[in-house]
Amino acid sequence: MPANRTLAPISIGLVTDEPIRLEGLATIFEESSQEGTAQLVPVTGTMEELLDCSTLEYLVVDLNSESTNLKTLDVIRRARPDMRMIVIGPKGDDELVLASIIAGARAYLDLTASLETVRRAIQIVLEGSIWAPRRLLSKLIDRLLAVPDPSAASANPHLTSRERQVLDLILTARSNREIAEQLGIEERTVKAHVGRLMRKTGADNRIELSMHALNHSLFPEDHDQ
């Protein structure tokens, strides 16, 4: 078998104004990466410094800090549309979770989340999907469906039954690995299905794929989740 390639480290900026919180967030990255995954490297600095770093593509934003709120997410999105944000905020505020995702966050975690949960959420975001409490996904879908899509009248692509199954699980924020386990297929096969779905819908990533599916009603016929 060929030797595994060493993946380049991925830098992730930490946005918080509390030293203790900053230290706690940094511990997320202390463990070595698992085989086949890149090492995550924390980057600290002011938000302006982090946004000016052109090689930085990911930010962990602490909404528990006094200086950060939903407007912070909007500022980041306007300054760096390519930046993927992972939010850590208060527990039990469903509206804040939904507002954070709509504002551009790719993940929302509360203060009670374990380090393993945070690492897993980051990995989901790295794979191009969204991490959020699944009980809120239906609410999120309802809100996204309420947004008019000027291209909604375009023809829907034909999807195979397997592609519809994969798409259904993407809409519930499953990772490629979780989809593979649930469907009993190889992870590389899932990646191939995702690639075909993106080509058929013209999506550049899983987020756009999900939006296209929602706005064009590309749900599996036997969708019952």
Protein backbone atom coordinates (compact mmCIF):
# COMPACT_ATOMS: atom_id res chain seq x y z
CA MET A 1 0.00 0.00 0.00
CA PRO A 2 1.28 3.52 -0.71
CA ALA A 3 2.42 5.55 2.27
CA ASN A 4 -0.06 8.09 3.59
CA ARG A 5 0.67 11.64 2.50
CA THR A 6 1.33 14.18 5.20
CA LEU A 7 -1.38 16.80 4.97
CA ALA A 8 -0.41 20.44 5.31
CA PRO A 9 -1.42 22.01 8.67
CA ILE A 10 -4.58 24.14 8.69
CA SER A 11 -4.48 27.45 10.57
CA ILE A 12 -7.58 28.53 12.49
CA GLY A 13 -7.91 32.02 13.98
CA LEU A 14 -9.32 32.49 17.48
CA VAL A 15 -11.50 35.56 18.07
CA THR A 16 -12.06 36.37 21.76
CA ASP A 17 -11.11 39.19 24.12
CA GLU A 18 -10.86 37.04 27.24
CA PRO A 19 -7.40 35.53 27.98
CA ILE A 20 -8.87 32.58 29.89
CA ARG A 21 -11.25 31.76 27.04
CA LEU A 22 -8.40 32.12 24.56
CA GLU A 23 -6.31 29.65 26.53
CA GLY A 24 -9.23 27.25 26.68
CA LEU A 25 -9.86 27.44 22.95
CA ALA A 26 -6.18 26.85 22.24
CA THR A 27 -6.34 23.51 24.11
CA ILE A 28 -8.63 22.21 21.37
CA PHE A 29 -5.62 21.95 19.10
CA GLU A 30 -3.13 20.38 21.53
CA GLU A 31 -3.77 16.77 20.56
CA SER A 32 -2.09 15.37 17.48
CA SER A 33 -4.25 14.99 14.41
CA GLN A 34 -5.70 11.59 13.51
CA GLU A 35 -4.29 9.66 10.59
CA GLY A 36 -5.49 11.14 7.32
CA THR A 37 -6.44 14.51 8.83
CA ALA A 38 -4.46 17.74 8.89
CA GLN A 39 -3.02 19.19 12.07
CA LEU A 40 -5.00 22.23 13.25
CA VAL A 41 -2.89 25.22 14.28
CA PRO A 42 -4.40 28.05 16.40
CA VAL A 43 -3.64 31.62 15.35
CA THR A 44 -4.19 34.51 17.76
CA GLY A 45 -4.36 38.27 17.27
CA THR A 46 -6.88 41.06 16.97
CA MET A 47 -9.77 40.48 14.61
CA GLU A 48 -8.31 43.04 12.22
CA GLU A 49 -5.00 41.15 12.18
CA LEU A 50 -6.75 37.83 11.59
CA LEU A 51 -8.85 39.24 8.75
CA ASP A 52 -5.74 40.72 7.15
CA CYS A 53 -4.10 37.30 7.07
CA SER A 54 -4.83 36.20 3.50
CA THR A 55 -3.86 32.58 4.15
CA LEU A 56 -6.33 32.20 7.04
CA GLU A 57 -9.62 30.59 5.99
CA TYR A 58 -11.18 29.57 9.31
CA LEU A 59 -12.15 31.50 12.45
CA VAL A 60 -13.47 30.34 15.81
CA VAL A 61 -15.58 33.25 17.09
CA ASP A 62 -16.42 33.39 20.80
CA LEU A 63 -19.80 35.11 21.15
CA ASN A 64 -19.43 34.98 24.92
CA SER A 65 -16.87 37.77 24.74
CA GLU A 66 -18.02 41.31 25.47
CA SER A 67 -16.73 42.63 22.16
CA THR A 68 -18.33 40.02 19.86
CA ASN A 69 -21.93 39.59 18.73
CA LEU A 70 -23.90 38.89 15.56
CA LYS A 71 -22.63 42.14 14.05
CA THR A 72 -19.14 40.68 14.36
CA LEU A 73 -20.17 37.82 12.08
CA ASP A 74 -21.52 40.31 9.55
CA VAL A 75 -18.30 42.34 9.68
CA ILE A 76 -16.25 39.20 9.08
CA ARG A 77 -18.46 38.04 6.22
CA ARG A 78 -18.31 41.42 4.49
CA ALA A 79 -14.54 41.72 4.90
CA ARG A 80 -13.75 38.10 4.07
CA PRO A 81 -16.60 36.29 2.25
CA ASP A 82 -14.30 33.28 1.95
CA MET A 83 -13.82 32.95 5.72
CA ARG A 84 -15.50 29.98 7.39
CA MET A 85 -16.72 30.84 10.88
CA ILE A 86 -17.23 28.48 13.80
CA VAL A 87 -19.24 30.12 16.59
CA ILE A 88 -19.10 29.27 20.29
CA GLY A 89 -21.96 30.93 22.16
CA PRO A 90 -24.52 30.67 24.95
CA LYS A 91 -26.53 27.49 25.43
CA GLY A 92 -30.28 27.32 24.89
CA ASP A 93 -30.68 30.36 22.64
CA ASP A 94 -32.25 28.84 19.52
CA GLU A 95 -32.73 32.20 17.83
CA LEU A 96 -29.05 33.03 18.26
CA VAL A 97 -28.08 29.68 16.75
CA LEU A 98 -30.31 30.22 13.72
CA ALA A 99 -29.24 33.84 13.34
CA SER A 100 -25.56 32.82 13.52
CA ILE A 101 -25.93 30.22 10.77
CA ILE A 102 -27.91 32.61 8.57
CA ALA A 103 -25.25 35.26 9.23
CA GLY A 104 -22.64 32.95 7.75
CA ALA A 105 -21.42 30.69 10.58
CA ARG A 106 -20.69 27.12 9.50
CA ALA A 107 -21.02 25.73 13.04
CA TYR A 108 -22.54 26.69 16.39
CA LEU A 109 -21.35 25.19 19.66
CA ASP A 110 -22.26 26.08 23.23
CA LEU A 111 -19.99 26.37 26.25
CA THR A 112 -20.87 22.86 27.45
CA ALA A 113 -19.48 21.24 24.30
CA SER A 114 -16.65 18.82 25.01
CA LEU A 115 -13.27 19.24 23.32
CA GLU A 116 -14.02 16.17 21.24
CA THR A 117 -17.30 17.72 20.08
CA VAL A 118 -15.52 20.94 19.15
CA ARG A 119 -12.87 19.04 17.19
CA ARG A 120 -15.56 17.05 15.40
CA ALA A 121 -17.49 20.22 14.53
CA ILE A 122 -14.33 21.78 13.12
CA GLN A 123 -13.73 18.67 11.02
CA ILE A 124 -17.29 18.87 9.67
CA VAL A 125 -16.69 22.49 8.68
CA LEU A 126 -13.39 21.56 7.04
CA GLU A 127 -15.33 19.05 4.95
CA GLY A 128 -17.60 21.87 3.77
CA SER A 129 -20.75 21.15 5.75
CA ILE A 130 -22.66 22.77 8.62
CA TRP A 131 -22.67 21.73 12.27
CA ALA A 132 -25.72 22.78 14.29
CA PRO A 133 -28.18 21.15 16.69
CA ARG A 134 -30.21 18.82 14.49
CA ARG A 135 -33.45 19.73 16.22
CA LEU A 136 -32.99 23.21 14.73
CA LEU A 137 -32.31 22.10 11.17
CA SER A 138 -35.99 22.03 10.20
CA LYS A 139 -36.38 25.60 11.45
CA LEU A 140 -33.30 26.62 9.50
CA ILE A 141 -34.66 24.96 6.36
CA ASP A 142 -37.98 26.78 6.76
CA ARG A 143 -36.17 30.12 6.98
CA LEU A 144 -33.98 29.39 3.98
CA LEU A 145 -37.00 28.32 1.96
CA ALA A 146 -38.58 31.68 2.70
CA VAL A 147 -35.72 33.46 0.88
CA PRO A 148 -36.66 34.03 -2.78
CA ASP A 149 -34.34 32.43 -5.31
CA PRO A 150 -34.28 34.13 -8.73
CA SER A 151 -33.11 30.89 -10.36
CA ALA A 152 -35.89 28.79 -8.82
CA ALA A 153 -37.57 28.39 -12.20
CA SER A 154 -34.60 26.55 -13.72
CA ALA A 155 -34.98 22.89 -14.61
CA ASN A 156 -34.26 20.38 -11.86
CA PRO A 157 -31.54 17.84 -12.60
CA HIS A 158 -32.35 14.13 -12.63
CA LEU A 159 -30.97 12.42 -9.53
CA THR A 160 -30.52 8.71 -9.00
CA SER A 161 -32.04 7.10 -5.91
CA ARG A 162 -28.57 6.84 -4.31
CA GLU A 163 -27.82 10.50 -5.05
CA ARG A 164 -31.10 11.44 -3.38
CA GLN A 165 -30.16 9.39 -0.32
CA VAL A 166 -26.78 11.12 -0.12
CA LEU A 167 -28.39 14.53 -0.60
CA ASP A 168 -30.93 13.79 2.14
CA LEU A 169 -28.12 13.06 4.60
CA ILE A 170 -26.15 16.13 3.52
CA LEU A 171 -29.20 18.22 4.42
CA THR A 172 -29.06 16.80 7.95
CA ALA A 173 -25.38 17.84 8.28
CA ARG A 174 -23.88 14.35 8.06
CA SER A 175 -20.22 14.11 7.16
CA ASN A 176 -19.01 11.90 4.32
CA ARG A 177 -17.94 9.31 6.86
CA GLU A 178 -21.35 9.29 8.57
CA ILE A 179 -23.12 9.01 5.21
CA ALA A 180 -20.89 6.09 4.22
CA GLU A 181 -21.62 4.28 7.49
CA GLN A 182 -25.37 4.83 7.26
CA LEU A 183 -25.64 3.75 3.63
CA GLY A 184 -23.12 0.91 3.95
CA ILE A 185 -20.83 2.20 1.22
CA GLU A 186 -17.21 3.40 1.01
CA GLU A 187 -16.41 7.00 1.95
CA ARG A 188 -14.76 7.52 -1.44
CA THR A 189 -18.04 6.44 -3.08
CA VAL A 190 -19.85 9.11 -1.07
CA LYS A 191 -17.33 11.70 -2.27
CA ALA A 192 -18.00 10.61 -5.85
CA HIS A 193 -21.77 11.00 -5.36
CA VAL A 194 -21.27 14.45 -3.80
CA GLY A 195 -19.09 15.45 -6.75
CA ARG A 196 -21.78 14.38 -9.23
CA LEU A 197 -24.46 16.22 -7.24
CA MET A 198 -22.38 19.40 -7.38
CA ARG A 199 -21.85 19.06 -11.13
CA LYS A 200 -25.56 18.43 -11.74
CA THR A 201 -26.66 21.43 -9.65
CA GLY A 202 -23.78 23.77 -10.52
CA ALA A 203 -22.84 24.07 -6.84
CA ASP A 204 -19.27 24.87 -5.82
CA ASN A 205 -19.53 23.42 -2.31
CA ARG A 206 -21.85 21.55 0.05
CA ILE A 207 -23.46 24.74 1.32
CA GLU A 208 -24.50 25.80 -2.19
CA LEU A 209 -25.61 22.23 -2.87
CA SER A 210 -27.86 22.32 0.20
CA MET A 211 -29.28 25.72 -0.78
CA HIS A 212 -30.00 24.49 -4.31
CA ALA A 213 -31.71 21.37 -2.94
CA LEU A 214 -33.85 23.43 -0.59
CA ASN A 215 -34.87 26.04 -3.15
CA HIS A 216 -35.53 23.48 -5.90
CA SER A 217 -37.22 20.87 -3.69
CA LEU A 218 -34.70 18.16 -4.51
CA PHE A 219 -35.74 16.01 -1.56
CA PRO A 220 -35.78 12.22 -1.73
CA GLU A 221 -39.25 10.89 -2.45
CA ASP A 222 -39.17 8.79 0.70
CA HIS A 223 -37.87 11.62 2.92
CA ASP A 224 -39.25 11.00 6.40
CA GLN A 225 -36.75 12.60 8.75
